[in-house]
């Protein structure tokens, strides 16, 4: 389910780059490490959006060490230089009852963010990322 959500996120964000040509924009390699209360946060979705109003975006998912290599949609390995606000979400799937006349024991799958909501929003996370022309390695800790 996480892959589906990530794919949808990147597909929708990639629309802003239609017409950029086959080579795509100039991007800089960016990796971010996400920790939660000091421990690596695996399987978290990291999304960045430009602070300058140009609409540039990038994102990725953290590995078991809490590290995500960011990509600019549709699949450019890196981030367009600029200033970015960062959002982090950690999704969990769970089942809820969804009875019907045909199957009174049916269930449905829903998802919830395991992190406090403010970190899932670019405007409230407090996380900022500056990307220039040299590779960037940044760390962010979700303290709550």
N, C-alpha and C. Protein backbone atom coordinates (compact mmCIF):
# COMPACT_ATOMS: atom_id res chain seq x y z
N UNK A 1 0.82 -1.18 0.00
CA UNK A 1 0.00 0.00 0.00
C UNK A 1 0.87 1.26 0.00
N UNK A 2 2.01 1.22 0.75
CA UNK A 2 2.90 2.37 0.77
C UNK A 2 3.44 2.68 -0.62
N UNK A 3 3.79 1.62 -1.37
CA UNK A 3 4.31 1.83 -2.73
C UNK A 3 3.26 2.50 -3.60
N UNK A 4 2.01 2.09 -3.44
CA UNK A 4 0.93 2.69 -4.24
C UNK A 4 0.81 4.16 -3.90
N UNK A 5 0.81 4.50 -2.60
CA UNK A 5 0.70 5.91 -2.21
C UNK A 5 1.89 6.72 -2.69
N UNK A 6 3.08 6.15 -2.58
CA UNK A 6 4.28 6.85 -3.05
C UNK A 6 4.22 7.05 -4.56
N UNK A 7 3.78 6.03 -5.29
CA UNK A 7 3.66 6.14 -6.74
C UNK A 7 2.66 7.23 -7.11
N UNK A 8 1.53 7.27 -6.42
CA UNK A 8 0.53 8.31 -6.68
C UNK A 8 1.11 9.69 -6.39
N UNK A 9 1.84 9.82 -5.28
CA UNK A 9 2.45 11.09 -4.92
C UNK A 9 3.40 11.56 -6.02
N UNK A 10 4.31 10.68 -6.45
CA UNK A 10 5.27 11.07 -7.47
C UNK A 10 4.61 11.32 -8.81
N UNK A 11 3.58 10.56 -9.16
CA UNK A 11 2.89 10.77 -10.43
C UNK A 11 2.21 12.13 -10.45
N UNK A 12 1.56 12.48 -9.35
CA UNK A 12 0.88 13.77 -9.32
C UNK A 12 1.86 14.93 -9.31
N UNK A 13 2.99 14.76 -8.61
CA UNK A 13 3.98 15.81 -8.57
C UNK A 13 4.72 15.97 -9.90
N UNK A 14 4.81 14.90 -10.67
CA UNK A 14 5.56 14.95 -11.92
C UNK A 14 4.89 15.81 -12.97
N UNK A 15 3.61 16.07 -12.81
CA UNK A 15 2.91 16.89 -13.80
C UNK A 15 3.50 18.29 -13.90
N UNK A 16 4.16 18.75 -12.82
CA UNK A 16 4.74 20.08 -12.86
C UNK A 16 5.98 20.14 -13.75
N UNK A 17 6.48 19.01 -14.22
CA UNK A 17 7.69 18.99 -15.03
C UNK A 17 7.45 18.61 -16.47
N UNK A 18 6.20 18.53 -16.90
CA UNK A 18 5.92 18.22 -18.30
C UNK A 18 6.52 19.33 -19.15
N UNK A 19 7.26 18.94 -20.15
CA UNK A 19 7.87 19.92 -21.03
C UNK A 19 9.30 20.27 -20.66
N UNK A 20 9.87 19.62 -19.67
CA UNK A 20 11.25 19.91 -19.27
C UNK A 20 12.27 19.25 -20.19
N UNK A 21 11.82 18.43 -21.14
CA UNK A 21 12.73 17.78 -22.04
C UNK A 21 13.17 16.43 -21.51
N UNK A 22 13.81 15.67 -22.38
CA UNK A 22 14.23 14.32 -22.01
C UNK A 22 15.30 14.32 -20.93
N UNK A 23 16.22 15.30 -20.97
CA UNK A 23 17.29 15.34 -19.99
C UNK A 23 16.79 15.74 -18.62
N UNK A 24 15.73 16.51 -18.57
CA UNK A 24 15.19 16.98 -17.31
C UNK A 24 15.98 18.13 -16.74
N UNK A 25 15.59 18.59 -15.59
CA UNK A 25 16.27 19.73 -14.97
C UNK A 25 17.60 19.31 -14.35
N UNK A 26 18.46 20.29 -14.09
CA UNK A 26 19.70 20.02 -13.38
C UNK A 26 19.36 19.74 -11.92
N UNK A 27 19.79 18.59 -11.42
CA UNK A 27 19.49 18.23 -10.04
C UNK A 27 20.78 17.92 -9.27
N UNK A 28 20.70 18.03 -7.96
CA UNK A 28 21.80 17.76 -7.05
C UNK A 28 21.44 16.54 -6.21
N UNK A 29 22.37 15.58 -6.05
CA UNK A 29 22.07 14.44 -5.18
C UNK A 29 21.78 14.89 -3.74
N UNK A 30 20.68 14.38 -3.19
CA UNK A 30 20.29 14.74 -1.82
C UNK A 30 19.87 13.47 -1.09
N UNK A 31 20.46 13.26 0.09
CA UNK A 31 19.99 12.18 0.96
C UNK A 31 19.67 12.79 2.31
N UNK A 32 18.58 12.33 2.88
CA UNK A 32 18.17 12.80 4.20
C UNK A 32 18.05 11.60 5.13
N UNK A 33 18.45 11.80 6.36
CA UNK A 33 18.28 10.79 7.39
C UNK A 33 17.18 11.26 8.31
N UNK A 34 16.19 10.41 8.51
CA UNK A 34 15.08 10.74 9.39
C UNK A 34 15.15 9.84 10.61
N UNK A 35 15.14 10.47 11.77
CA UNK A 35 15.10 9.72 13.02
C UNK A 35 13.85 10.13 13.79
N UNK A 36 13.40 9.25 14.66
CA UNK A 36 12.26 9.52 15.53
C UNK A 36 12.73 9.29 16.95
N UNK A 37 12.78 10.35 17.72
CA UNK A 37 13.31 10.29 19.08
C UNK A 37 14.72 9.71 19.09
N UNK A 38 15.50 10.06 18.05
CA UNK A 38 16.89 9.66 17.96
C UNK A 38 17.17 8.33 17.29
N UNK A 39 16.13 7.55 16.99
CA UNK A 39 16.32 6.24 16.34
C UNK A 39 15.93 6.32 14.87
N UNK A 40 16.64 5.60 13.99
CA UNK A 40 16.32 5.62 12.56
C UNK A 40 14.84 5.26 12.32
N UNK A 41 14.21 6.00 11.42
CA UNK A 41 12.80 5.79 11.10
C UNK A 41 12.70 5.16 9.71
N UNK A 42 12.49 3.85 9.67
CA UNK A 42 12.39 3.12 8.40
C UNK A 42 10.98 3.23 7.84
N UNK A 43 10.89 3.26 6.51
CA UNK A 43 9.60 3.25 5.84
C UNK A 43 8.83 4.56 5.91
N UNK A 44 9.50 5.65 6.19
CA UNK A 44 8.84 6.95 6.24
C UNK A 44 8.87 7.60 4.86
N UNK A 45 7.83 8.33 4.54
CA UNK A 45 7.75 9.07 3.29
C UNK A 45 8.24 10.49 3.55
N UNK A 46 9.22 10.93 2.75
CA UNK A 46 9.78 12.27 2.86
C UNK A 46 9.39 13.04 1.60
N UNK A 47 8.77 14.20 1.76
CA UNK A 47 8.39 15.03 0.60
C UNK A 47 8.88 16.45 0.84
N UNK A 48 9.49 17.04 -0.19
CA UNK A 48 9.95 18.42 -0.09
C UNK A 48 9.27 19.25 -1.16
N UNK A 49 8.99 20.50 -0.82
CA UNK A 49 8.38 21.44 -1.76
C UNK A 49 9.14 22.76 -1.66
N UNK A 50 9.38 23.37 -2.81
CA UNK A 50 10.18 24.59 -2.82
C UNK A 50 9.49 25.71 -2.06
N UNK A 51 10.30 26.47 -1.34
CA UNK A 51 9.79 27.59 -0.54
C UNK A 51 9.65 28.85 -1.36
N UNK A 52 10.17 28.85 -2.60
CA UNK A 52 10.17 30.06 -3.42
C UNK A 52 8.93 30.20 -4.30
N UNK A 53 7.99 29.28 -4.17
CA UNK A 53 6.76 29.36 -4.95
C UNK A 53 6.88 28.83 -6.36
N UNK A 54 8.03 28.26 -6.75
CA UNK A 54 8.21 27.74 -8.10
C UNK A 54 7.54 26.38 -8.29
N UNK A 55 7.13 25.75 -7.21
CA UNK A 55 6.43 24.48 -7.32
C UNK A 55 7.33 23.27 -7.48
N UNK A 56 8.63 23.42 -7.29
CA UNK A 56 9.54 22.27 -7.38
C UNK A 56 9.28 21.33 -6.21
N UNK A 57 9.31 20.04 -6.50
CA UNK A 57 9.07 19.03 -5.48
C UNK A 57 10.06 17.88 -5.65
N UNK A 58 10.21 17.10 -4.58
CA UNK A 58 11.00 15.88 -4.62
C UNK A 58 10.56 15.03 -3.45
N UNK A 59 10.95 13.77 -3.47
CA UNK A 59 10.57 12.91 -2.36
C UNK A 59 11.29 11.58 -2.40
N UNK A 60 11.04 10.80 -1.37
CA UNK A 60 11.62 9.47 -1.27
C UNK A 60 11.11 8.77 -0.04
N UNK A 61 11.54 7.52 0.12
CA UNK A 61 11.15 6.72 1.27
C UNK A 61 12.40 6.25 1.98
N UNK A 62 12.37 6.30 3.32
CA UNK A 62 13.54 5.91 4.09
C UNK A 62 13.73 4.40 4.10
N UNK A 63 15.00 4.00 4.13
CA UNK A 63 15.34 2.58 4.22
C UNK A 63 15.44 2.19 5.69
N UNK A 64 15.95 1.00 5.97
CA UNK A 64 16.02 0.50 7.35
C UNK A 64 16.95 1.35 8.23
N UNK A 65 17.82 2.14 7.63
CA UNK A 65 18.71 3.02 8.39
C UNK A 65 18.13 4.42 8.54
N UNK A 66 16.93 4.63 8.02
CA UNK A 66 16.30 5.94 8.10
C UNK A 66 16.75 6.91 7.03
N UNK A 67 17.44 6.42 5.99
CA UNK A 67 17.98 7.27 4.94
C UNK A 67 17.12 7.20 3.68
N UNK A 68 16.81 8.37 3.12
CA UNK A 68 16.07 8.45 1.86
C UNK A 68 16.90 9.24 0.86
N UNK A 69 17.04 8.71 -0.36
CA UNK A 69 17.64 9.45 -1.47
C UNK A 69 16.49 10.09 -2.22
N UNK A 70 16.50 11.41 -2.29
CA UNK A 70 15.38 12.13 -2.88
C UNK A 70 15.45 12.15 -4.40
N UNK A 71 14.28 12.07 -5.01
CA UNK A 71 14.15 12.13 -6.47
C UNK A 71 13.14 13.20 -6.83
N UNK A 72 13.45 13.90 -7.93
CA UNK A 72 12.53 14.87 -8.49
C UNK A 72 11.68 14.14 -9.53
N UNK A 73 10.37 14.27 -9.44
CA UNK A 73 9.51 13.54 -10.40
C UNK A 73 9.80 13.94 -11.84
N UNK A 74 9.72 13.01 -12.80
CA UNK A 74 9.22 11.66 -12.57
C UNK A 74 10.27 10.70 -12.03
N UNK A 75 11.55 10.85 -12.37
CA UNK A 75 12.54 9.90 -11.84
C UNK A 75 13.96 10.45 -11.93
N UNK A 76 14.12 11.75 -11.70
CA UNK A 76 15.46 12.33 -11.70
C UNK A 76 16.06 12.19 -10.33
N UNK A 77 17.23 11.57 -10.26
CA UNK A 77 17.89 11.27 -8.99
C UNK A 77 18.55 12.51 -8.41
N UNK A 78 17.79 13.23 -7.61
CA UNK A 78 18.29 14.44 -6.98
C UNK A 78 17.20 15.49 -6.89
N UNK A 79 17.61 16.69 -6.48
CA UNK A 79 16.69 17.78 -6.23
C UNK A 79 17.18 19.02 -6.96
N UNK A 80 16.26 19.78 -7.54
CA UNK A 80 16.59 21.05 -8.19
C UNK A 80 17.10 22.01 -7.11
N UNK A 81 18.23 22.68 -7.31
CA UNK A 81 18.73 23.61 -6.28
C UNK A 81 17.69 24.64 -5.87
N UNK A 82 17.68 24.93 -4.58
CA UNK A 82 16.74 25.90 -4.02
C UNK A 82 16.50 25.66 -2.55
N UNK A 83 15.55 26.40 -2.00
CA UNK A 83 15.15 26.26 -0.59
C UNK A 83 13.86 25.45 -0.54
N UNK A 84 13.79 24.51 0.41
CA UNK A 84 12.64 23.61 0.50
C UNK A 84 12.13 23.48 1.93
N UNK A 85 10.84 23.24 2.03
CA UNK A 85 10.21 22.84 3.29
C UNK A 85 10.02 21.33 3.20
N UNK A 86 10.20 20.65 4.32
CA UNK A 86 10.20 19.19 4.35
C UNK A 86 9.03 18.67 5.19
N UNK A 87 8.38 17.62 4.69
CA UNK A 87 7.31 16.94 5.43
C UNK A 87 7.68 15.46 5.54
N UNK A 88 7.33 14.85 6.67
CA UNK A 88 7.64 13.44 6.91
C UNK A 88 6.38 12.76 7.45
N UNK A 89 6.06 11.61 6.87
CA UNK A 89 4.95 10.79 7.36
C UNK A 89 5.40 9.34 7.44
N UNK A 90 4.86 8.65 8.41
CA UNK A 90 5.12 7.22 8.58
C UNK A 90 3.75 6.54 8.65
N UNK A 91 3.40 5.86 7.56
CA UNK A 91 2.08 5.27 7.44
C UNK A 91 2.02 3.88 8.05
N UNK A 92 0.88 3.59 8.68
CA UNK A 92 0.58 2.26 9.20
C UNK A 92 -0.78 1.84 8.66
N UNK A 93 -0.85 0.62 8.14
CA UNK A 93 -2.13 0.08 7.67
C UNK A 93 -2.78 -0.70 8.80
N UNK A 94 -4.10 -0.61 8.87
CA UNK A 94 -4.85 -1.37 9.87
C UNK A 94 -6.22 -1.71 9.30
N UNK A 95 -6.83 -2.73 9.88
CA UNK A 95 -8.14 -3.19 9.41
C UNK A 95 -9.24 -2.66 10.30
N UNK A 96 -10.36 -2.35 9.67
CA UNK A 96 -11.55 -1.90 10.40
C UNK A 96 -12.74 -2.73 9.90
N UNK A 97 -13.73 -2.93 10.74
CA UNK A 97 -14.90 -3.66 10.28
C UNK A 97 -15.60 -2.91 9.15
N UNK A 98 -16.01 -3.65 8.14
CA UNK A 98 -16.75 -3.07 7.01
C UNK A 98 -17.82 -4.06 6.58
N UNK A 99 -18.72 -4.41 7.52
CA UNK A 99 -19.72 -5.44 7.21
C UNK A 99 -20.66 -5.00 6.09
N UNK A 100 -21.10 -5.98 5.35
CA UNK A 100 -22.09 -5.75 4.30
C UNK A 100 -23.13 -6.86 4.40
N UNK A 101 -24.19 -6.75 3.63
CA UNK A 101 -25.22 -7.80 3.63
C UNK A 101 -24.63 -9.12 3.16
N UNK A 102 -23.70 -9.04 2.20
CA UNK A 102 -23.08 -10.25 1.66
C UNK A 102 -22.07 -10.88 2.61
N UNK A 103 -21.36 -10.03 3.38
CA UNK A 103 -20.33 -10.55 4.27
C UNK A 103 -20.31 -9.73 5.56
N UNK A 104 -21.03 -10.18 6.57
CA UNK A 104 -21.10 -9.42 7.82
C UNK A 104 -19.77 -9.35 8.58
N UNK A 105 -18.78 -10.17 8.21
CA UNK A 105 -17.48 -10.16 8.87
C UNK A 105 -16.41 -9.46 8.03
N UNK A 106 -16.81 -8.77 6.98
CA UNK A 106 -15.85 -8.11 6.09
C UNK A 106 -15.08 -7.01 6.82
N UNK A 107 -13.86 -6.78 6.34
CA UNK A 107 -13.04 -5.69 6.87
C UNK A 107 -12.51 -4.85 5.72
N UNK A 108 -12.08 -3.66 6.06
CA UNK A 108 -11.45 -2.76 5.09
C UNK A 108 -10.12 -2.32 5.66
N UNK A 109 -9.20 -1.96 4.80
CA UNK A 109 -7.89 -1.49 5.24
C UNK A 109 -7.85 0.03 5.17
N UNK A 110 -7.39 0.64 6.23
CA UNK A 110 -7.20 2.09 6.28
C UNK A 110 -5.76 2.36 6.69
N UNK A 111 -5.35 3.61 6.56
CA UNK A 111 -4.01 3.99 6.96
C UNK A 111 -4.05 5.19 7.88
N UNK A 112 -3.04 5.26 8.74
CA UNK A 112 -2.90 6.44 9.61
C UNK A 112 -1.42 6.77 9.71
N UNK A 113 -1.16 8.04 9.94
CA UNK A 113 0.21 8.53 10.11
C UNK A 113 0.59 8.31 11.56
N UNK A 114 1.71 7.63 11.80
CA UNK A 114 2.14 7.34 13.16
C UNK A 114 2.85 8.53 13.83
N UNK A 115 3.22 9.53 13.04
CA UNK A 115 3.92 10.70 13.58
C UNK A 115 2.92 11.81 13.87
N UNK A 116 3.28 12.73 14.76
CA UNK A 116 2.40 13.88 14.98
C UNK A 116 2.11 14.60 13.67
N UNK A 117 0.89 15.03 13.49
CA UNK A 117 0.41 15.62 12.23
C UNK A 117 1.26 16.79 11.76
N UNK A 118 1.81 17.58 12.67
CA UNK A 118 2.55 18.78 12.24
C UNK A 118 3.76 18.44 11.38
N UNK A 119 4.36 17.25 11.56
CA UNK A 119 5.53 16.87 10.77
C UNK A 119 5.15 16.39 9.37
N UNK A 120 3.90 16.11 9.16
CA UNK A 120 3.43 15.69 7.85
C UNK A 120 3.04 16.83 6.95
N UNK A 121 3.15 18.05 7.45
CA UNK A 121 2.80 19.25 6.68
C UNK A 121 4.04 20.11 6.47
N UNK A 122 4.25 20.53 5.23
CA UNK A 122 5.41 21.37 4.92
C UNK A 122 5.39 22.67 5.71
N UNK A 123 4.20 23.20 5.92
CA UNK A 123 4.07 24.51 6.57
C UNK A 123 4.29 24.46 8.08
N UNK A 124 4.22 23.29 8.69
CA UNK A 124 4.32 23.24 10.15
C UNK A 124 5.44 22.34 10.68
N UNK A 125 6.12 21.61 9.81
CA UNK A 125 7.14 20.66 10.31
C UNK A 125 8.34 21.36 10.94
N UNK A 126 8.67 22.54 10.43
CA UNK A 126 9.86 23.24 10.90
C UNK A 126 11.14 22.75 10.24
N UNK A 127 11.04 21.73 9.39
CA UNK A 127 12.20 21.17 8.72
C UNK A 127 12.45 21.93 7.41
N UNK A 128 13.67 22.41 7.22
CA UNK A 128 14.06 23.15 6.02
C UNK A 128 15.26 22.48 5.38
N UNK A 129 15.35 22.58 4.07
CA UNK A 129 16.43 21.96 3.31
C UNK A 129 16.93 22.97 2.29
N UNK A 130 18.24 23.19 2.26
CA UNK A 130 18.85 24.06 1.27
C UNK A 130 19.68 23.19 0.33
N UNK A 131 19.40 23.30 -0.97
CA UNK A 131 20.09 22.51 -1.98
C UNK A 131 20.83 23.46 -2.91
N UNK A 132 22.13 23.24 -3.04
CA UNK A 132 22.94 24.01 -3.97
C UNK A 132 23.40 23.10 -5.09
N UNK A 133 24.63 23.30 -5.55
CA UNK A 133 25.17 22.49 -6.64
C UNK A 133 26.03 21.33 -6.17
N UNK A 134 26.27 21.21 -4.86
CA UNK A 134 27.05 20.11 -4.30
C UNK A 134 26.12 19.16 -3.55
N UNK A 135 26.48 17.87 -3.54
CA UNK A 135 25.66 16.85 -2.88
C UNK A 135 25.33 17.27 -1.45
N UNK A 136 24.10 16.95 -1.04
CA UNK A 136 23.61 17.33 0.28
C UNK A 136 23.28 16.08 1.09
N UNK A 137 23.71 16.07 2.35
CA UNK A 137 23.32 15.05 3.31
C UNK A 137 22.79 15.79 4.53
N UNK A 138 21.51 15.60 4.81
CA UNK A 138 20.85 16.33 5.90
C UNK A 138 20.17 15.35 6.83
N UNK A 139 20.03 15.73 8.09
CA UNK A 139 19.34 14.89 9.07
C UNK A 139 18.24 15.67 9.75
N UNK A 140 17.13 14.99 10.01
CA UNK A 140 16.00 15.59 10.72
C UNK A 140 15.52 14.58 11.76
N UNK A 141 15.24 15.08 12.97
CA UNK A 141 14.72 14.21 14.03
C UNK A 141 13.31 14.67 14.39
N UNK A 142 12.40 13.70 14.41
CA UNK A 142 11.04 13.94 14.88
C UNK A 142 11.08 13.65 16.38
N UNK A 143 11.05 14.70 17.22
CA UNK A 143 11.29 14.49 18.65
C UNK A 143 10.11 13.95 19.45
N UNK A 144 8.90 14.00 18.89
CA UNK A 144 7.73 13.58 19.66
C UNK A 144 7.16 12.29 19.13
